[in-house]
C-alpha atoms as a PDB file:
ATOM      1  CA  MET A   1     -16.968 -48.593   1.002  1.00  0.00           C
ATOM      2  CA  ASP A   2     -13.090 -47.695   1.895  1.00  0.00           C
ATOM      3  CA  PHE A   3     -11.780 -45.116  -0.289  1.00  0.00           C
ATOM      4  CA  SER A   4      -8.639 -44.780   1.801  1.00  0.00           C
ATOM      5  CA  PHE A   5      -6.516 -45.956  -0.965  1.00  0.00           C
ATOM      6  CA  TYR A   6      -7.172 -42.958  -2.877  1.00  0.00           C
ATOM      7  CA  LYS A   7      -5.313 -40.914  -0.277  1.00  0.00           C
ATOM      8  CA  SER A   8      -2.817 -43.325   0.296  1.00  0.00           C
ATOM      9  CA  ASP A   9       1.129 -42.377  -0.392  1.00  0.00           C
ATOM     10  CA  LEU A  10       0.805 -44.768  -3.153  1.00  0.00           C
ATOM     11  CA  SER A  11      -1.945 -43.154  -4.739  1.00  0.00           C
ATOM     12  CA  GLU A  12      -0.548 -40.002  -4.413  1.00  0.00           C
ATOM     13  CA  GLY A  13       2.808 -41.499  -5.832  1.00  0.00           C
ATOM     14  CA  ILE A  14       0.839 -42.923  -8.949  1.00  0.00           C
ATOM     15  CA  ARG A  15      -1.012 -39.556  -9.760  1.00  0.00           C
ATOM     16  CA  ALA A  16       2.210 -37.656  -9.431  1.00  0.00           C
ATOM     17  CA  GLU A  17       3.821 -40.253 -11.869  1.00  0.00           C
ATOM     18  CA  GLY A  18       1.127 -39.641 -14.173  1.00  0.00           C
ATOM     19  CA  GLU A  19       1.146 -36.022 -13.904  1.00  0.00           C
ATOM     20  CA  ALA A  20       4.847 -36.023 -14.490  1.00  0.00           C
ATOM     21  CA  ARG A  21       4.389 -38.217 -17.998  1.00  0.00           C
ATOM     22  CA  ARG A  22       1.872 -35.780 -19.134  1.00  0.00           C
ATOM     23  CA  ALA A  23       4.036 -33.039 -18.160  1.00  0.00           C
ATOM     24  CA  ALA A  24       7.067 -34.319 -20.442  1.00  0.00           C
ATOM     25  CA  GLU A  25       4.568 -35.155 -23.121  1.00  0.00           C
ATOM     26  CA  ASP A  26       3.496 -31.643 -23.150  1.00  0.00           C
ATOM     27  CA  VAL A  27       6.906 -30.570 -23.669  1.00  0.00           C
ATOM     28  CA  LEU A  28       7.783 -33.283 -26.322  1.00  0.00           C
ATOM     29  CA  VAL A  29       4.016 -31.826 -28.142  1.00  0.00           C
ATOM     30  CA  VAL A  30       5.254 -27.989 -28.219  1.00  0.00           C
ATOM     31  CA  LEU A  31       8.572 -28.937 -29.561  1.00  0.00           C
ATOM     32  CA  ALA A  32       7.192 -31.633 -32.129  1.00  0.00           C
ATOM     33  CA  GLU A  33       4.566 -28.733 -33.104  1.00  0.00           C
ATOM     34  CA  ARG A  34       7.126 -26.054 -33.611  1.00  0.00           C
ATOM     35  CA  GLY A  35       9.174 -28.795 -35.704  1.00  0.00           C
ATOM     36  CA  VAL A  36      12.335 -28.530 -33.503  1.00  0.00           C
ATOM     37  CA  THR A  37      14.029 -31.873 -33.987  1.00  0.00           C
ATOM     38  CA  VAL A  38      14.280 -34.202 -30.561  1.00  0.00           C
ATOM     39  CA  SER A  39      17.316 -36.331 -30.394  1.00  0.00           C
ATOM     40  CA  GLU A  40      16.766 -39.586 -28.202  1.00  0.00           C
ATOM     41  CA  GLU A  41      18.765 -38.077 -25.625  1.00  0.00           C
ATOM     42  CA  VAL A  42      17.057 -34.953 -25.153  1.00  0.00           C
ATOM     43  CA  ARG A  43      13.745 -36.950 -25.346  1.00  0.00           C
ATOM     44  CA  GLU A  44      15.094 -39.609 -22.498  1.00  0.00           C
ATOM     45  CA  ARG A  45      16.111 -36.707 -19.954  1.00  0.00           C
ATOM     46  CA  ILE A  46      12.948 -35.113 -20.868  1.00  0.00           C
ATOM     47  CA  THR A  47      10.553 -38.123 -20.580  1.00  0.00           C
ATOM     48  CA  GLY A  48      13.034 -39.036 -17.041  1.00  0.00           C
ATOM     49  CA  CYS A  49      12.506 -35.998 -15.378  1.00  0.00           C
ATOM     50  CA  ARG A  50       9.920 -36.151 -12.346  1.00  0.00           C
ATOM     51  CA  ASP A  51       9.856 -32.894 -10.865  1.00  0.00           C
ATOM     52  CA  PRO A  52       7.215 -31.077 -11.980  1.00  0.00           C
ATOM     53  CA  GLU A  53       8.790 -27.351 -11.611  1.00  0.00           C
ATOM     54  CA  ILE A  54      11.249 -28.496 -13.715  1.00  0.00           C
ATOM     55  CA  LEU A  55       9.131 -30.106 -16.183  1.00  0.00           C
ATOM     56  CA  ARG A  56       6.941 -26.388 -16.041  1.00  0.00           C
ATOM     57  CA  HIS A  57       9.999 -24.243 -16.717  1.00  0.00           C
ATOM     58  CA  TRP A  58      11.237 -26.561 -20.079  1.00  0.00           C
ATOM     59  CA  HIS A  59       7.276 -26.721 -21.247  1.00  0.00           C
ATOM     60  CA  ARG A  60       7.498 -22.637 -21.224  1.00  0.00           C
ATOM     61  CA  ARG A  61      11.456 -22.713 -22.814  1.00  0.00           C
ATOM     62  CA  ALA A  62      10.125 -25.149 -25.563  1.00  0.00           C
ATOM     63  CA  VAL A  63       8.022 -22.680 -26.999  1.00  0.00           C
ATOM     64  CA  THR A  64      10.955 -20.292 -28.170  1.00  0.00           C
ATOM     65  CA  VAL A  65      13.943 -22.534 -28.097  1.00  0.00           C
ATOM     66  CA  PRO A  66      15.735 -22.626 -31.460  1.00  0.00           C
ATOM     67  CA  ALA A  67      17.011 -26.404 -30.591  1.00  0.00           C
ATOM     68  CA  ALA A  68      15.476 -28.745 -28.128  1.00  0.00           C
ATOM     69  CA  GLU A  69      18.523 -29.238 -26.111  1.00  0.00           C
ATOM     70  CA  HIS A  70      18.296 -25.666 -25.209  1.00  0.00           C
ATOM     71  CA  ILE A  71      15.128 -25.974 -23.175  1.00  0.00           C
ATOM     72  CA  PHE A  72      17.946 -27.171 -20.194  1.00  0.00           C
ATOM     73  CA  THR A  73      19.962 -23.817 -20.711  1.00  0.00           C
ATOM     74  CA  GLU A  74      19.254 -20.527 -19.325  1.00  0.00           C
ATOM     75  CA  ARG A  75      19.517 -18.196 -22.121  1.00  0.00           C
END
């Protein structure tokens, strides 16, 4: 059986895309659980991000920011 697909660039890309989507959803879930309103613009920026390091940073900030827009700024 050929398992080369699972190690290919295509499969790595698919996996990374799924991880980014989950990370973005985690940011949105934290904000929602805290009752923080998320504008469509903020939602699009979060879901459009594909950088896992940035998403992790935003996730940590989502725990304490007073407004969703503040996850993008350092305070």
